[in-house]
């Protein structure tokens, strides 16, 4: 019976952790422009400074 409580507690902790990670990603701007990178890689820049 104690294993059931352990698994329930672990799933709740992992769920809360995933929610905090998702909220951090949203607040840091990870989902601001999902369409931009695919067009940015096709952009022909002549600036080859490295």
PDB file of N, CA and C in Angstrom:
ATOM      1  N   UNK A   1       0.820  -1.198   0.000  1.00  0.00           N
ATOM      2  CA  UNK A   1       0.000   0.000   0.000  1.00  0.00           C
ATOM      3  C   UNK A   1       0.861   1.257   0.000  1.00  0.00           C
ATOM      4  N   UNK A   2       2.029   1.155   0.675  1.00  0.00           N
ATOM      5  CA  UNK A   2       2.882   2.341   0.732  1.00  0.00           C
ATOM      6  C   UNK A   2       3.471   2.659  -0.639  1.00  0.00           C
ATOM      7  N   UNK A   3       3.609   1.650  -1.504  1.00  0.00           N
ATOM      8  CA  UNK A   3       4.137   1.904  -2.845  1.00  0.00           C
ATOM      9  C   UNK A   3       3.141   2.702  -3.690  1.00  0.00           C
ATOM     10  N   UNK A   4       1.867   2.474  -3.461  1.00  0.00           N
ATOM     11  CA  UNK A   4       0.847   3.240  -4.167  1.00  0.00           C
ATOM     12  C   UNK A   4       0.936   4.712  -3.786  1.00  0.00           C
ATOM     13  N   UNK A   5       1.069   5.000  -2.505  1.00  0.00           N
ATOM     14  CA  UNK A   5       1.204   6.386  -2.060  1.00  0.00           C
ATOM     15  C   UNK A   5       2.496   7.011  -2.575  1.00  0.00           C
ATOM     16  N   UNK A   6       3.558   6.226  -2.641  1.00  0.00           N
ATOM     17  CA  UNK A   6       4.825   6.724  -3.161  1.00  0.00           C
ATOM     18  C   UNK A   6       4.699   7.083  -4.638  1.00  0.00           C
ATOM     19  N   UNK A   7       4.061   6.221  -5.419  1.00  0.00           N
ATOM     20  CA  UNK A   7       3.891   6.487  -6.844  1.00  0.00           C
ATOM     21  C   UNK A   7       2.969   7.677  -7.096  1.00  0.00           C
ATOM     22  N   UNK A   8       1.933   7.820  -6.294  1.00  0.00           N
ATOM     23  CA  UNK A   8       1.045   8.977  -6.435  1.00  0.00           C
ATOM     24  C   UNK A   8       1.800  10.259  -6.105  1.00  0.00           C
ATOM     25  N   UNK A   9       2.581  10.241  -5.043  1.00  0.00           N
ATOM     26  CA  UNK A   9       3.356  11.426  -4.668  1.00  0.00           C
ATOM     27  C   UNK A   9       4.388  11.769  -5.743  1.00  0.00           C
ATOM     28  N   UNK A  10       5.055  10.758  -6.275  1.00  0.00           N
ATOM     29  CA  UNK A  10       6.039  11.005  -7.324  1.00  0.00           C
ATOM     30  C   UNK A  10       5.383  11.578  -8.581  1.00  0.00           C
ATOM     31  N   UNK A  11       4.231  11.075  -8.950  1.00  0.00           N
ATOM     32  CA  UNK A  11       3.565  11.586 -10.144  1.00  0.00           C
ATOM     33  C   UNK A  11       3.104  13.027  -9.950  1.00  0.00           C
ATOM     34  N   UNK A  12       2.648  13.359  -8.763  1.00  0.00           N
ATOM     35  CA  UNK A  12       2.252  14.742  -8.482  1.00  0.00           C
ATOM     36  C   UNK A  12       3.466  15.656  -8.519  1.00  0.00           C
ATOM     37  N   UNK A  13       4.565  15.231  -7.924  1.00  0.00           N
ATOM     38  CA  UNK A  13       5.791  16.045  -7.927  1.00  0.00           C
ATOM     39  C   UNK A  13       6.307  16.237  -9.350  1.00  0.00           C
ATOM     40  N   UNK A  14       6.316  15.173 -10.149  1.00  0.00           N
ATOM     41  CA  UNK A  14       6.769  15.287 -11.535  1.00  0.00           C
ATOM     42  C   UNK A  14       5.829  16.170 -12.363  1.00  0.00           C
ATOM     43  N   UNK A  15       4.545  16.075 -12.116  1.00  0.00           N
ATOM     44  CA  UNK A  15       3.584  16.927 -12.826  1.00  0.00           C
ATOM     45  C   UNK A  15       3.766  18.387 -12.498  1.00  0.00           C
ATOM     46  N   UNK A  16       3.964  18.693 -11.234  1.00  0.00           N
ATOM     47  CA  UNK A  16       4.199  20.083 -10.826  1.00  0.00           C
ATOM     48  C   UNK A  16       5.519  20.584 -11.400  1.00  0.00           C
ATOM     49  N   UNK A  17       6.554  19.733 -11.385  1.00  0.00           N
ATOM     50  CA  UNK A  17       7.840  20.116 -11.964  1.00  0.00           C
ATOM     51  C   UNK A  17       7.727  20.404 -13.458  1.00  0.00           C
ATOM     52  N   UNK A  18       6.989  19.581 -14.187  1.00  0.00           N
ATOM     53  CA  UNK A  18       6.791  19.812 -15.621  1.00  0.00           C
ATOM     54  C   UNK A  18       6.020  21.096 -15.864  1.00  0.00           C
ATOM     55  N   UNK A  19       5.038  21.378 -15.018  1.00  0.00           N
ATOM     56  CA  UNK A  19       4.271  22.618 -15.158  1.00  0.00           C
ATOM     57  C   UNK A  19       5.150  23.834 -14.909  1.00  0.00           C
ATOM     58  N   UNK A  20       6.016  23.782 -13.882  1.00  0.00           N
ATOM     59  CA  UNK A  20       6.936  24.896 -13.625  1.00  0.00           C
ATOM     60  C   UNK A  20       7.920  25.074 -14.774  1.00  0.00           C
ATOM     61  N   UNK A  21       8.411  23.972 -15.346  1.00  0.00           N
ATOM     62  CA  UNK A  21       9.322  24.061 -16.480  1.00  0.00           C
ATOM     63  C   UNK A  21       8.628  24.680 -17.680  1.00  0.00           C
ATOM     64  N   UNK A  22       7.386  24.311 -17.937  1.00  0.00           N
ATOM     65  CA  UNK A  22       6.620  24.895 -19.032  1.00  0.00           C
ATOM     66  C   UNK A  22       6.383  26.378 -18.808  1.00  0.00           C
ATOM     67  N   UNK A  23       6.025  26.756 -17.584  1.00  0.00           N
ATOM     68  CA  UNK A  23       5.808  28.171 -17.290  1.00  0.00           C
ATOM     69  C   UNK A  23       7.094  28.969 -17.449  1.00  0.00           C
ATOM     70  N   UNK A  24       8.241  28.406 -17.061  1.00  0.00           N
ATOM     71  CA  UNK A  24       9.521  29.084 -17.240  1.00  0.00           C
ATOM     72  C   UNK A  24       9.803  29.285 -18.736  1.00  0.00           C
ATOM     73  N   UNK A  25       9.511  28.275 -19.556  1.00  0.00           N
ATOM     74  CA  UNK A  25       9.753  28.371 -20.989  1.00  0.00           C
ATOM     75  C   UNK A  25       8.864  29.435 -21.623  1.00  0.00           C
ATOM     76  N   UNK A  26       7.623  29.514 -21.193  1.00  0.00           N
ATOM     77  CA  UNK A  26       6.717  30.522 -21.741  1.00  0.00           C
ATOM     78  C   UNK A  26       7.169  31.922 -21.339  1.00  0.00           C
ATOM     79  N   UNK A  27       7.537  32.097 -20.085  1.00  0.00           N
ATOM     80  CA  UNK A  27       7.950  33.422 -19.611  1.00  0.00           C
ATOM     81  C   UNK A  27       9.287  33.868 -20.183  1.00  0.00           C
ATOM     82  N   UNK A  28      10.160  32.920 -20.532  1.00  0.00           N
ATOM     83  CA  UNK A  28      11.459  33.305 -21.086  1.00  0.00           C
ATOM     84  C   UNK A  28      11.392  33.528 -22.595  1.00  0.00           C
ATOM     85  N   UNK A  29      10.234  33.352 -23.207  1.00  0.00           N
ATOM     86  CA  UNK A  29      10.049  33.672 -24.614  1.00  0.00           C
ATOM     87  C   UNK A  29      10.363  32.542 -25.571  1.00  0.00           C
ATOM     88  N   UNK A  30      10.314  31.311 -25.131  1.00  0.00           N
ATOM     89  CA  UNK A  30      10.615  30.188 -26.010  1.00  0.00           C
ATOM     90  C   UNK A  30       9.534  29.985 -27.074  1.00  0.00           C
ATOM     91  N   UNK A  31       8.327  30.439 -26.820  1.00  0.00           N
ATOM     92  CA  UNK A  31       7.224  30.233 -27.749  1.00  0.00           C
ATOM     93  C   UNK A  31       6.769  31.531 -28.400  1.00  0.00           C
ATOM     94  N   UNK A  32       7.633  32.543 -28.430  1.00  0.00           N
ATOM     95  CA  UNK A  32       7.257  33.833 -28.991  1.00  0.00           C
ATOM     96  C   UNK A  32       6.997  33.747 -30.499  1.00  0.00           C
ATOM     97  N   UNK A  33       7.944  33.173 -31.244  1.00  0.00           N
ATOM     98  CA  UNK A  33       7.842  33.157 -32.694  1.00  0.00           C
ATOM     99  C   UNK A  33       8.191  31.770 -33.227  1.00  0.00           C
ATOM    100  N   UNK A  34       7.238  30.856 -33.263  1.00  0.00           N
ATOM    101  CA  UNK A  34       7.559  29.506 -33.728  1.00  0.00           C
ATOM    102  C   UNK A  34       7.788  29.424 -35.240  1.00  0.00           C
ATOM    103  N   UNK A  35       7.302  30.392 -36.005  1.00  0.00           N
ATOM    104  CA  UNK A  35       7.451  30.364 -37.452  1.00  0.00           C
ATOM    105  C   UNK A  35       8.761  30.998 -37.915  1.00  0.00           C
ATOM    106  N   UNK A  36       9.392  31.800 -37.101  1.00  0.00           N
ATOM    107  CA  UNK A  36      10.572  32.555 -37.499  1.00  0.00           C
ATOM    108  C   UNK A  36      11.789  31.734 -37.881  1.00  0.00           C
ATOM    109  N   UNK A  37      12.181  30.720 -37.109  1.00  0.00           N
ATOM    110  CA  UNK A  37      13.410  29.997 -37.440  1.00  0.00           C
ATOM    111  C   UNK A  37      13.408  29.313 -38.802  1.00  0.00           C
ATOM    112  N   UNK A  38      12.274  28.817 -39.246  1.00  0.00           N
ATOM    113  CA  UNK A  38      12.272  28.127 -40.544  1.00  0.00           C
ATOM    114  C   UNK A  38      12.456  29.115 -41.693  1.00  0.00           C
ATOM    115  N   UNK A  39      12.030  30.365 -41.513  1.00  0.00           N
ATOM    116  CA  UNK A  39      12.272  31.366 -42.546  1.00  0.00           C
ATOM    117  C   UNK A  39      13.651  31.989 -42.393  1.00  0.00           C
ATOM    118  N   UNK A  40      14.157  32.059 -41.176  1.00  0.00           N
ATOM    119  CA  UNK A  40      15.467  32.636 -40.935  1.00  0.00           C
ATOM    120  C   UNK A  40      16.577  31.782 -41.550  1.00  0.00           C
ATOM    121  N   UNK A  41      16.405  30.467 -41.570  1.00  0.00           N
ATOM    122  CA  UNK A  41      17.440  29.612 -42.156  1.00  0.00           C
ATOM    123  C   UNK A  41      17.456  29.721 -43.678  1.00  0.00           C
ATOM    124  N   UNK A  42      16.360  30.158 -44.283  1.00  0.00           N
ATOM    125  CA  UNK A  42      16.314  30.326 -45.723  1.00  0.00           C
ATOM    126  C   UNK A  42      16.766  31.714 -46.157  1.00  0.00           C
ATOM    127  N   UNK A  43      16.911  32.627 -45.213  1.00  0.00           N
ATOM    128  CA  UNK A  43      17.325  33.990 -45.517  1.00  0.00           C
ATOM    129  C   UNK A  43      18.768  33.982 -46.000  1.00  0.00           C
ATOM    130  N   UNK A  44      19.015  34.604 -47.153  1.00  0.00           N
ATOM    131  CA  UNK A  44      20.347  34.623 -47.758  1.00  0.00           C
ATOM    132  C   UNK A  44      21.086  35.876 -47.306  1.00  0.00           C
ATOM    133  N   UNK A  45      21.856  35.720 -46.240  1.00  0.00           N
ATOM    134  CA  UNK A  45      22.660  36.839 -45.758  1.00  0.00           C
ATOM    135  C   UNK A  45      24.052  36.778 -46.360  1.00  0.00           C
ATOM    136  N   UNK A  46      24.566  37.930 -46.752  1.00  0.00           N
ATOM    137  CA  UNK A  46      25.936  37.994 -47.253  1.00  0.00           C
ATOM    138  C   UNK A  46      26.916  38.264 -46.124  1.00  0.00           C
ATOM    139  N   UNK A  47      26.441  38.403 -44.928  1.00  0.00           N
ATOM    140  CA  UNK A  47      27.280  38.669 -43.767  1.00  0.00           C
ATOM    141  C   UNK A  47      27.837  37.334 -43.247  1.00  0.00           C
ATOM    142  N   UNK A  48      29.078  37.053 -43.548  1.00  0.00           N
ATOM    143  CA  UNK A  48      29.703  35.798 -43.137  1.00  0.00           C
ATOM    144  C   UNK A  48      30.737  36.047 -42.057  1.00  0.00           C
ATOM    145  N   UNK A  49      30.476  36.971 -41.153  1.00  0.00           N
ATOM    146  CA  UNK A  49      31.439  37.246 -40.076  1.00  0.00           C
ATOM    147  C   UNK A  49      31.348  36.164 -39.021  1.00  0.00           C
ATOM    148  N   UNK A  50      32.484  35.615 -38.661  1.00  0.00           N
ATOM    149  CA  UNK A  50      32.527  34.552 -37.662  1.00  0.00           C
ATOM    150  C   UNK A  50      33.472  34.919 -36.571  1.00  0.00           C
TER     151      UNK A  50
END
